[in-house]
N, C-alpha and C. Protein backbone atom coordinates (compact mmCIF):
# COMPACT_ATOMS: atom_id res chain seq x y z
N MET A 1 114.52 95.86 106.72
CA MET A 1 113.27 95.93 105.99
C MET A 1 112.70 97.34 106.01
N LYS A 2 112.76 98.05 107.17
CA LYS A 2 112.23 99.40 107.27
C LYS A 2 113.06 100.38 106.45
N ILE A 3 114.37 100.18 106.36
CA ILE A 3 115.22 101.05 105.55
C ILE A 3 114.86 100.87 104.08
N HIS A 4 114.62 99.62 103.66
CA HIS A 4 114.24 99.35 102.27
C HIS A 4 112.91 100.06 101.95
N TRP A 5 111.95 99.99 102.86
CA TRP A 5 110.66 100.64 102.66
C TRP A 5 110.83 102.16 102.56
N PHE A 6 111.65 102.72 103.44
CA PHE A 6 111.89 104.17 103.44
C PHE A 6 112.52 104.62 102.12
N CYS A 7 113.51 103.87 101.65
CA CYS A 7 114.17 104.19 100.37
C CYS A 7 113.19 104.11 99.22
N SER A 8 112.29 103.13 99.26
CA SER A 8 111.27 103.00 98.21
C SER A 8 110.37 104.22 98.18
N VAL A 9 109.94 104.67 99.35
CA VAL A 9 109.05 105.83 99.43
C VAL A 9 109.75 107.07 98.90
N ILE A 10 111.00 107.28 99.29
CA ILE A 10 111.76 108.44 98.82
C ILE A 10 111.92 108.39 97.30
N SER A 11 112.24 107.22 96.76
CA SER A 11 112.39 107.07 95.31
C SER A 11 111.09 107.39 94.60
N ILE A 12 109.99 106.92 95.15
CA ILE A 12 108.68 107.18 94.55
C ILE A 12 108.37 108.66 94.57
N LEU A 13 108.66 109.31 95.68
CA LEU A 13 108.41 110.75 95.79
C LEU A 13 109.19 111.52 94.73
N VAL A 14 110.46 111.20 94.59
CA VAL A 14 111.31 111.91 93.63
C VAL A 14 110.83 111.66 92.21
N LEU A 15 110.59 110.39 91.85
CA LEU A 15 110.17 110.07 90.50
C LEU A 15 108.81 110.66 90.17
N THR A 16 107.90 110.62 91.11
CA THR A 16 106.56 111.17 90.87
C THR A 16 106.63 112.67 90.70
N ASP A 17 107.47 113.33 91.49
CA ASP A 17 107.63 114.77 91.37
C ASP A 17 108.19 115.13 90.00
N VAL A 18 109.20 114.39 89.54
CA VAL A 18 109.78 114.63 88.22
C VAL A 18 108.73 114.40 87.14
N PHE A 19 107.98 113.30 87.25
CA PHE A 19 106.94 112.98 86.27
C PHE A 19 105.88 114.08 86.25
N ALA A 20 105.45 114.52 87.41
CA ALA A 20 104.42 115.56 87.49
C ALA A 20 104.92 116.86 86.86
N GLU A 21 106.18 117.21 87.08
CA GLU A 21 106.73 118.44 86.51
C GLU A 21 106.78 118.35 84.99
N GLN A 22 107.16 117.17 84.46
CA GLN A 22 107.23 117.00 83.02
C GLN A 22 105.84 117.05 82.39
N LYS A 23 104.88 116.43 83.04
CA LYS A 23 103.53 116.34 82.49
C LYS A 23 102.69 117.57 82.79
N LYS A 24 103.05 118.34 83.80
CA LYS A 24 102.25 119.49 84.22
C LYS A 24 100.80 119.07 84.46
N CYS A 25 100.65 117.97 85.15
CA CYS A 25 99.33 117.39 85.36
C CYS A 25 98.77 117.82 86.71
N PRO A 26 97.59 118.46 86.74
CA PRO A 26 97.03 118.93 87.99
C PRO A 26 96.61 117.80 88.93
N GLU A 27 96.43 116.60 88.37
CA GLU A 27 96.02 115.48 89.20
C GLU A 27 97.20 114.76 89.85
N ALA A 28 98.42 115.16 89.52
CA ALA A 28 99.60 114.42 89.95
C ALA A 28 99.76 114.38 91.46
N ASP A 29 99.41 115.47 92.17
CA ASP A 29 99.55 115.47 93.62
C ASP A 29 98.69 114.39 94.26
N SER A 30 97.44 114.28 93.81
CA SER A 30 96.59 113.26 94.39
C SER A 30 97.07 111.87 94.00
N ASP A 31 97.60 111.72 92.80
CA ASP A 31 98.17 110.44 92.38
C ASP A 31 99.35 110.05 93.26
N LEU A 32 100.16 111.00 93.65
CA LEU A 32 101.30 110.74 94.52
C LEU A 32 100.83 110.16 95.85
N ILE A 33 99.83 110.78 96.44
CA ILE A 33 99.31 110.29 97.73
C ILE A 33 98.74 108.89 97.56
N LYS A 34 97.97 108.66 96.50
CA LYS A 34 97.40 107.33 96.24
C LYS A 34 98.52 106.29 96.11
N TYR A 35 99.58 106.67 95.40
CA TYR A 35 100.66 105.72 95.16
C TYR A 35 101.42 105.40 96.44
N ILE A 36 101.65 106.41 97.25
CA ILE A 36 102.35 106.17 98.53
C ILE A 36 101.52 105.25 99.42
N LYS A 37 100.21 105.51 99.51
CA LYS A 37 99.33 104.65 100.32
C LYS A 37 99.34 103.23 99.79
N TRP A 38 99.30 103.09 98.48
CA TRP A 38 99.32 101.77 97.86
C TRP A 38 100.62 101.03 98.18
N GLN A 39 101.77 101.75 98.07
CA GLN A 39 103.06 101.13 98.40
C GLN A 39 103.12 100.73 99.87
N MET A 40 102.59 101.57 100.74
CA MET A 40 102.59 101.26 102.17
C MET A 40 101.73 100.03 102.45
N GLU A 41 100.59 99.92 101.77
CA GLU A 41 99.71 98.77 101.95
C GLU A 41 100.41 97.48 101.50
N ILE A 42 101.11 97.57 100.37
CA ILE A 42 101.84 96.39 99.87
C ILE A 42 102.95 96.01 100.85
N SER A 43 103.68 97.00 101.37
CA SER A 43 104.78 96.69 102.29
C SER A 43 104.26 96.09 103.60
N ASN A 44 103.00 96.33 103.94
CA ASN A 44 102.40 95.75 105.15
C ASN A 44 101.67 94.45 104.87
N GLY A 45 101.88 93.85 103.69
CA GLY A 45 101.31 92.55 103.40
C GLY A 45 100.12 92.56 102.48
N GLY A 46 99.66 93.67 102.00
CA GLY A 46 98.50 93.74 101.12
C GLY A 46 98.88 93.48 99.68
N HIS A 47 99.27 92.24 99.38
CA HIS A 47 99.80 91.88 98.05
C HIS A 47 98.76 91.97 96.94
N ASN A 48 97.49 91.85 97.25
CA ASN A 48 96.46 91.81 96.22
C ASN A 48 95.81 93.17 95.99
N SER A 49 96.41 94.22 96.51
CA SER A 49 95.82 95.55 96.34
C SER A 49 95.89 95.98 94.88
N LEU A 50 94.84 96.63 94.43
CA LEU A 50 94.83 97.15 93.06
C LEU A 50 95.80 98.33 92.96
N SER A 51 96.36 98.50 91.78
CA SER A 51 97.27 99.63 91.60
C SER A 51 96.48 100.93 91.60
N PRO A 52 97.10 102.03 92.01
CA PRO A 52 96.39 103.32 92.04
C PRO A 52 96.09 103.80 90.63
N GLN A 53 95.10 104.67 90.50
CA GLN A 53 94.77 105.25 89.20
C GLN A 53 95.89 106.16 88.73
N LYS A 54 96.09 106.15 87.44
CA LYS A 54 97.11 107.01 86.84
C LYS A 54 96.52 108.37 86.50
N CYS A 55 97.38 109.34 86.31
CA CYS A 55 96.97 110.68 85.89
C CYS A 55 96.26 110.59 84.53
N GLN A 56 95.18 111.31 84.37
CA GLN A 56 94.38 111.24 83.15
C GLN A 56 94.77 112.29 82.11
N CYS A 57 95.87 113.02 82.32
CA CYS A 57 96.28 114.01 81.33
C CYS A 57 96.65 113.31 80.03
N LYS A 58 96.26 113.87 78.90
CA LYS A 58 96.52 113.27 77.61
C LYS A 58 97.81 113.83 77.02
N PRO A 59 98.69 112.97 76.48
CA PRO A 59 99.94 113.46 75.89
C PRO A 59 99.72 114.49 74.79
N LYS A 60 98.65 114.34 73.98
CA LYS A 60 98.41 115.29 72.90
C LYS A 60 98.15 116.69 73.45
N ASP A 61 97.46 116.76 74.60
CA ASP A 61 97.21 118.06 75.22
C ASP A 61 98.53 118.71 75.64
N VAL A 62 99.45 117.91 76.15
CA VAL A 62 100.75 118.42 76.57
C VAL A 62 101.53 118.91 75.35
N LEU A 63 101.44 118.17 74.22
CA LEU A 63 102.15 118.57 73.00
C LEU A 63 101.67 119.92 72.48
N LYS A 64 100.37 120.18 72.56
CA LYS A 64 99.83 121.45 72.06
C LYS A 64 100.45 122.64 72.80
N GLU A 65 100.84 122.42 74.04
CA GLU A 65 101.45 123.48 74.83
C GLU A 65 102.92 123.71 74.45
N ARG A 66 103.51 122.78 73.71
CA ARG A 66 104.93 122.85 73.33
C ARG A 66 105.08 122.90 71.81
N PRO A 67 104.87 124.06 71.18
CA PRO A 67 104.99 124.14 69.73
C PRO A 67 106.39 123.73 69.26
N ALA A 68 106.42 123.07 68.11
CA ALA A 68 107.69 122.64 67.53
C ALA A 68 107.50 122.48 66.02
N PHE A 69 108.58 122.65 65.26
CA PHE A 69 108.52 122.43 63.82
C PHE A 69 109.84 121.87 63.33
N PHE A 70 109.77 121.18 62.19
CA PHE A 70 110.96 120.63 61.54
C PHE A 70 110.66 120.53 60.06
N ALA A 71 111.49 121.18 59.22
CA ALA A 71 111.26 121.17 57.78
C ALA A 71 112.58 121.11 57.01
N PHE A 72 112.60 120.29 55.95
CA PHE A 72 113.73 120.20 55.03
C PHE A 72 113.46 121.08 53.80
N LEU A 73 114.51 121.32 53.01
CA LEU A 73 114.34 121.86 51.66
C LEU A 73 114.02 120.68 50.75
N LYS A 74 112.94 120.78 49.99
CA LYS A 74 112.47 119.65 49.18
C LYS A 74 113.28 119.47 47.90
N ALA A 75 113.52 120.55 47.16
CA ALA A 75 114.22 120.46 45.87
C ALA A 75 115.65 119.95 46.05
N ASN A 76 116.23 119.41 44.98
CA ASN A 76 117.60 118.93 45.04
C ASN A 76 118.58 120.07 45.34
N SER A 77 118.34 121.24 44.73
CA SER A 77 119.17 122.42 45.00
C SER A 77 118.29 123.66 44.90
N VAL A 78 118.65 124.68 45.68
CA VAL A 78 117.88 125.92 45.72
C VAL A 78 118.83 127.09 45.50
N SER A 79 118.53 127.93 44.51
CA SER A 79 119.32 129.13 44.27
C SER A 79 118.99 130.15 45.36
N PHE A 80 120.03 130.78 45.89
CA PHE A 80 119.88 131.66 47.05
C PHE A 80 120.62 132.95 46.73
N THR A 81 119.89 134.06 46.57
CA THR A 81 120.51 135.32 46.16
C THR A 81 119.70 136.51 46.68
N GLY A 82 120.22 137.71 46.46
CA GLY A 82 119.49 138.92 46.85
C GLY A 82 119.14 138.92 48.33
N HIS A 83 117.88 139.20 48.61
CA HIS A 83 117.38 139.20 49.99
C HIS A 83 116.43 138.03 50.21
N ASP A 84 116.69 136.92 49.51
CA ASP A 84 115.82 135.74 49.59
C ASP A 84 115.66 135.23 51.02
N ILE A 85 114.48 134.73 51.30
CA ILE A 85 114.22 133.98 52.53
C ILE A 85 114.09 132.52 52.11
N LEU A 86 114.83 131.64 52.76
CA LEU A 86 114.73 130.21 52.43
C LEU A 86 113.39 129.68 52.92
N LYS A 87 112.69 128.99 52.04
CA LYS A 87 111.39 128.41 52.37
C LYS A 87 111.56 126.89 52.46
N PHE A 88 111.66 126.41 53.67
CA PHE A 88 111.83 124.99 53.92
C PHE A 88 110.45 124.35 53.76
N ASP A 89 110.26 123.67 52.62
CA ASP A 89 108.92 123.28 52.22
C ASP A 89 108.59 121.79 52.40
N ASP A 90 109.53 121.00 52.89
CA ASP A 90 109.26 119.59 53.16
C ASP A 90 109.01 119.47 54.67
N LEU A 91 107.80 119.81 55.07
CA LEU A 91 107.44 119.92 56.48
C LEU A 91 107.20 118.53 57.07
N ARG A 92 107.93 118.20 58.13
CA ARG A 92 107.81 116.89 58.78
C ARG A 92 107.09 116.97 60.12
N THR A 93 107.30 118.06 60.84
CA THR A 93 106.66 118.27 62.15
C THR A 93 106.23 119.72 62.22
N ASN A 94 105.01 119.93 62.70
CA ASN A 94 104.52 121.31 62.84
C ASN A 94 103.46 121.34 63.94
N ILE A 95 103.88 121.07 65.15
CA ILE A 95 102.96 121.03 66.29
C ILE A 95 102.47 122.45 66.57
N GLY A 96 101.18 122.64 66.42
CA GLY A 96 100.58 123.95 66.60
C GLY A 96 100.44 124.75 65.31
N ASN A 97 101.04 124.27 64.20
CA ASN A 97 100.97 124.95 62.89
C ASN A 97 101.49 126.38 62.93
N HIS A 98 102.64 126.59 63.55
CA HIS A 98 103.20 127.94 63.65
C HIS A 98 104.34 128.20 62.66
N TYR A 99 104.72 127.16 61.89
CA TYR A 99 105.69 127.36 60.80
C TYR A 99 104.90 127.37 59.49
N THR A 100 105.21 128.35 58.61
CA THR A 100 104.51 128.48 57.33
C THR A 100 105.50 128.22 56.20
N PRO A 101 105.41 127.07 55.52
CA PRO A 101 106.36 126.75 54.44
C PRO A 101 106.35 127.75 53.29
N SER A 102 105.21 128.35 53.00
CA SER A 102 105.14 129.29 51.85
C SER A 102 105.90 130.60 52.10
N THR A 103 106.13 130.95 53.37
CA THR A 103 106.88 132.17 53.69
C THR A 103 108.25 131.88 54.31
N GLY A 104 108.42 130.67 54.87
CA GLY A 104 109.66 130.34 55.57
C GLY A 104 109.71 130.88 56.99
N HIS A 105 108.61 131.41 57.49
CA HIS A 105 108.56 132.03 58.82
C HIS A 105 108.02 131.07 59.88
N PHE A 106 108.67 131.07 61.03
CA PHE A 106 108.11 130.49 62.24
C PHE A 106 107.62 131.67 63.08
N THR A 107 106.36 131.63 63.51
CA THR A 107 105.78 132.70 64.32
C THR A 107 105.55 132.17 65.73
N ALA A 108 106.20 132.77 66.71
CA ALA A 108 106.07 132.32 68.10
C ALA A 108 104.62 132.50 68.57
N PRO A 109 103.98 131.42 69.04
CA PRO A 109 102.60 131.52 69.47
C PRO A 109 102.43 132.11 70.88
N LYS A 110 103.52 132.06 71.65
CA LYS A 110 103.46 132.60 73.01
C LYS A 110 104.87 132.95 73.46
N PRO A 111 104.97 133.79 74.48
CA PRO A 111 106.31 134.16 74.96
C PRO A 111 107.01 132.97 75.60
N GLY A 112 108.34 132.97 75.47
CA GLY A 112 109.10 131.90 76.10
C GLY A 112 110.50 131.78 75.54
N LEU A 113 111.22 130.78 76.01
CA LEU A 113 112.56 130.48 75.55
C LEU A 113 112.46 129.39 74.49
N TYR A 114 112.95 129.68 73.29
CA TYR A 114 112.87 128.76 72.15
C TYR A 114 114.27 128.32 71.75
N GLU A 115 114.35 127.10 71.26
CA GLU A 115 115.59 126.56 70.69
C GLU A 115 115.38 126.47 69.19
N ILE A 116 116.25 127.12 68.42
CA ILE A 116 116.13 127.18 66.96
C ILE A 116 117.38 126.54 66.35
N PHE A 117 117.18 125.67 65.35
CA PHE A 117 118.29 125.00 64.66
C PHE A 117 118.21 125.29 63.17
N CYS A 118 119.37 125.37 62.55
CA CYS A 118 119.43 125.47 61.10
C CYS A 118 120.69 124.75 60.63
N LEU A 119 120.52 123.85 59.67
CA LEU A 119 121.67 123.19 59.05
C LEU A 119 121.56 123.44 57.55
N LEU A 120 122.61 124.05 56.98
CA LEU A 120 122.64 124.30 55.54
C LEU A 120 123.87 123.64 54.93
N TYR A 121 123.64 122.97 53.79
CA TYR A 121 124.71 122.40 52.98
C TYR A 121 124.89 123.28 51.76
N GLY A 122 126.14 123.59 51.43
CA GLY A 122 126.43 124.25 50.15
C GLY A 122 126.40 123.20 49.07
N TYR A 123 125.73 123.49 47.96
CA TYR A 123 125.64 122.55 46.85
C TYR A 123 126.99 122.46 46.14
N ASN A 124 127.50 121.24 45.99
CA ASN A 124 128.80 120.99 45.38
C ASN A 124 129.88 121.78 46.13
N ASN A 125 130.41 122.87 45.57
CA ASN A 125 131.40 123.66 46.31
C ASN A 125 130.94 125.10 46.50
N SER A 126 129.62 125.31 46.53
CA SER A 126 129.07 126.65 46.71
C SER A 126 129.19 127.11 48.16
N ARG A 127 129.68 128.32 48.34
CA ARG A 127 129.64 128.95 49.66
C ARG A 127 128.21 129.44 49.86
N VAL A 128 127.73 129.42 51.12
CA VAL A 128 126.39 129.94 51.42
C VAL A 128 126.51 130.92 52.59
N THR A 129 126.16 132.17 52.32
CA THR A 129 126.16 133.21 53.35
C THR A 129 124.72 133.49 53.73
N PHE A 130 124.40 133.35 55.01
CA PHE A 130 123.02 133.53 55.44
C PHE A 130 122.97 134.09 56.84
N GLN A 131 121.76 134.41 57.28
CA GLN A 131 121.57 134.89 58.64
C GLN A 131 120.22 134.41 59.15
N ILE A 132 120.12 134.28 60.46
CA ILE A 132 118.86 133.99 61.11
C ILE A 132 118.31 135.34 61.58
N ASN A 133 117.10 135.65 61.16
CA ASN A 133 116.48 136.91 61.55
C ASN A 133 115.39 136.68 62.58
N LYS A 134 115.30 137.64 63.49
CA LYS A 134 114.18 137.72 64.43
C LYS A 134 113.42 138.97 64.02
N ASN A 135 112.21 138.78 63.53
CA ASN A 135 111.45 139.85 62.90
C ASN A 135 112.29 140.37 61.74
N ASP A 136 112.59 141.64 61.66
CA ASP A 136 113.40 142.13 60.54
C ASP A 136 114.83 142.45 60.95
N GLN A 137 115.25 141.89 62.08
CA GLN A 137 116.58 142.19 62.60
C GLN A 137 117.47 140.95 62.59
N LEU A 138 118.74 141.16 62.28
CA LEU A 138 119.74 140.09 62.34
C LEU A 138 119.84 139.56 63.77
N PHE A 139 119.84 138.23 63.90
CA PHE A 139 120.06 137.61 65.21
C PHE A 139 121.39 136.85 65.21
N ALA A 140 121.69 136.13 64.12
CA ALA A 140 122.95 135.36 64.05
C ALA A 140 123.37 135.17 62.58
N TYR A 141 124.69 135.18 62.36
CA TYR A 141 125.25 134.93 61.04
C TYR A 141 125.55 133.45 60.85
N GLY A 142 125.56 133.03 59.57
CA GLY A 142 125.98 131.68 59.23
C GLY A 142 126.73 131.71 57.91
N LEU A 143 127.68 130.79 57.73
CA LEU A 143 128.49 130.73 56.52
C LEU A 143 129.01 129.32 56.33
N THR A 144 128.77 128.73 55.14
CA THR A 144 129.45 127.49 54.80
C THR A 144 130.71 127.90 54.04
N PRO A 145 131.83 127.23 54.24
CA PRO A 145 133.12 127.72 53.75
C PRO A 145 133.39 127.60 52.26
N GLY A 146 132.56 126.92 51.47
CA GLY A 146 132.80 126.88 50.03
C GLY A 146 133.69 125.74 49.59
N ARG A 147 133.85 124.73 50.42
CA ARG A 147 134.56 123.53 49.98
C ARG A 147 133.53 122.52 49.51
N GLU A 148 133.97 121.43 48.93
CA GLU A 148 133.04 120.46 48.36
C GLU A 148 132.07 119.91 49.40
N TRP A 149 130.76 120.04 49.12
CA TRP A 149 129.67 119.52 49.96
C TRP A 149 129.88 119.87 51.43
N ASN A 150 130.03 121.17 51.68
CA ASN A 150 130.29 121.66 53.03
C ASN A 150 128.98 122.04 53.71
N SER A 151 129.01 122.13 55.04
CA SER A 151 127.78 122.47 55.77
C SER A 151 128.12 123.25 57.04
N ILE A 152 127.08 123.83 57.62
CA ILE A 152 127.18 124.48 58.91
C ILE A 152 125.88 124.22 59.66
N ASN A 153 126.02 124.04 60.95
CA ASN A 153 124.87 123.82 61.82
C ASN A 153 124.85 124.94 62.86
N ILE A 154 123.72 125.62 62.99
CA ILE A 154 123.58 126.68 63.98
C ILE A 154 122.50 126.27 64.97
N SER A 155 122.81 126.42 66.25
CA SER A 155 121.84 126.14 67.31
C SER A 155 121.75 127.39 68.18
N LEU A 156 120.53 127.92 68.33
CA LEU A 156 120.34 129.17 69.05
C LEU A 156 119.30 129.03 70.15
N LEU A 157 119.50 129.79 71.22
CA LEU A 157 118.47 129.98 72.24
C LEU A 157 117.95 131.39 72.06
N MET A 158 116.63 131.52 71.90
CA MET A 158 116.04 132.82 71.63
C MET A 158 114.86 133.06 72.58
N GLU A 159 114.89 134.20 73.23
CA GLU A 159 113.76 134.61 74.05
C GLU A 159 112.80 135.36 73.13
N LEU A 160 111.61 134.78 72.93
CA LEU A 160 110.66 135.34 71.97
C LEU A 160 109.39 135.81 72.66
N LYS A 161 108.77 136.81 72.04
CA LYS A 161 107.46 137.27 72.46
C LYS A 161 106.44 136.69 71.50
N LYS A 162 105.19 136.68 71.90
CA LYS A 162 104.13 136.22 71.01
C LYS A 162 104.14 137.07 69.74
N GLY A 163 104.13 136.39 68.58
CA GLY A 163 104.12 137.09 67.30
C GLY A 163 105.47 137.32 66.67
N ASP A 164 106.58 137.10 67.41
CA ASP A 164 107.91 137.24 66.81
C ASP A 164 108.07 136.24 65.67
N LYS A 165 108.71 136.68 64.58
CA LYS A 165 108.93 135.83 63.41
C LYS A 165 110.42 135.51 63.26
N ILE A 166 110.70 134.23 63.05
CA ILE A 166 112.08 133.75 62.87
C ILE A 166 112.18 133.14 61.48
N TYR A 167 113.27 133.47 60.76
CA TYR A 167 113.44 132.92 59.42
C TYR A 167 114.91 132.97 59.01
N VAL A 168 115.23 132.24 57.93
CA VAL A 168 116.60 132.16 57.39
C VAL A 168 116.65 133.02 56.13
N LYS A 169 117.56 133.99 56.11
CA LYS A 169 117.63 134.96 55.02
C LYS A 169 119.03 134.98 54.40
N HIS A 170 119.08 135.23 53.08
CA HIS A 170 120.37 135.38 52.40
C HIS A 170 121.07 136.63 52.92
N ARG A 171 122.39 136.56 53.04
CA ARG A 171 123.12 137.65 53.70
C ARG A 171 123.84 138.59 52.75
N VAL A 172 124.39 138.11 51.67
CA VAL A 172 125.16 138.97 50.76
C VAL A 172 124.39 139.07 49.44
N PRO A 173 123.61 140.14 49.26
CA PRO A 173 122.71 140.25 48.10
C PRO A 173 123.40 140.13 46.75
N SER A 174 124.66 140.52 46.65
CA SER A 174 125.35 140.49 45.35
C SER A 174 125.77 139.08 44.94
N ARG A 175 125.74 138.13 45.85
CA ARG A 175 126.19 136.76 45.55
C ARG A 175 125.02 135.87 45.17
N ARG A 176 125.25 134.95 44.23
CA ARG A 176 124.29 133.90 43.92
C ARG A 176 124.91 132.59 44.40
N GLU A 177 124.23 131.95 45.34
CA GLU A 177 124.76 130.73 45.94
C GLU A 177 123.72 129.62 45.81
N THR A 178 124.15 128.39 46.02
CA THR A 178 123.23 127.26 45.86
C THR A 178 123.26 126.40 47.11
N VAL A 179 122.07 126.15 47.63
CA VAL A 179 121.90 125.33 48.84
C VAL A 179 121.46 123.93 48.44
N GLN A 180 122.07 122.92 49.03
CA GLN A 180 121.69 121.52 48.79
C GLN A 180 120.40 121.21 49.54
N GLY A 181 119.42 120.69 48.81
CA GLY A 181 118.15 120.28 49.41
C GLY A 181 118.09 118.78 49.58
N SER A 182 116.98 118.18 49.18
CA SER A 182 116.79 116.72 49.24
C SER A 182 117.13 116.15 50.61
N GLN A 183 116.55 116.71 51.65
CA GLN A 183 116.71 116.26 53.03
C GLN A 183 118.12 116.43 53.58
N HIS A 184 118.86 117.39 53.05
CA HIS A 184 120.17 117.72 53.60
C HIS A 184 120.11 118.98 54.48
N SER A 185 119.43 120.01 53.99
CA SER A 185 119.35 121.28 54.72
C SER A 185 118.00 121.36 55.43
N TYR A 186 118.02 121.82 56.69
CA TYR A 186 116.77 121.90 57.42
C TYR A 186 116.73 123.10 58.37
N PHE A 187 115.52 123.38 58.83
CA PHE A 187 115.23 124.47 59.77
C PHE A 187 114.25 123.89 60.78
N SER A 188 114.52 124.11 62.07
CA SER A 188 113.63 123.56 63.08
C SER A 188 113.67 124.40 64.35
N GLY A 189 112.69 124.19 65.20
CA GLY A 189 112.65 124.92 66.46
C GLY A 189 111.62 124.33 67.38
N ARG A 190 111.75 124.70 68.66
CA ARG A 190 110.79 124.22 69.67
C ARG A 190 110.80 125.14 70.87
N LEU A 191 109.67 125.17 71.55
CA LEU A 191 109.55 125.93 72.78
C LEU A 191 110.17 125.10 73.90
N LEU A 192 111.11 125.68 74.63
CA LEU A 192 111.70 124.99 75.77
C LEU A 192 110.89 125.27 77.03
N GLN A 193 110.60 126.54 77.29
CA GLN A 193 109.82 126.90 78.48
C GLN A 193 109.25 128.30 78.33
């Protein structure tokens, strides 16, 4: 019986610590102590004890600290040429409002490690040459191979400073290419830490 109680306490400590780290809740330490006392009371026969109070941190407050965006290309097909920047205008998620559909730019609201995704489909058998830019500098190349309804998915980890701009830009100015829209091609990102 004592081993079972000890294992329960250890499990609670580990789970509460993980929960507190995920929530970044300042009240979590006191909640941990309350919960351990409550578990100890129950194990000593206090079956009718009320459960301890939960952390009062609101999930929406936690979301504001973690900016994220997700946007598709709305049109069925988009012509992509010159030095065009793709404007993903079917915005589905924009926590913090740091992605601007009219410019195609995501602007980092604070320094940190960000995860950026881009999936592009070539329309019919169009090749698509593009790049992901950080500010006005190339960060990564992308290319769909030009076979029927082909695509490429790019996933990047980027260390950004406040104000850095990330966007998808056409790579070979002399080429005119066509990107498949209608919820096929998308651009997204989120703050990891």
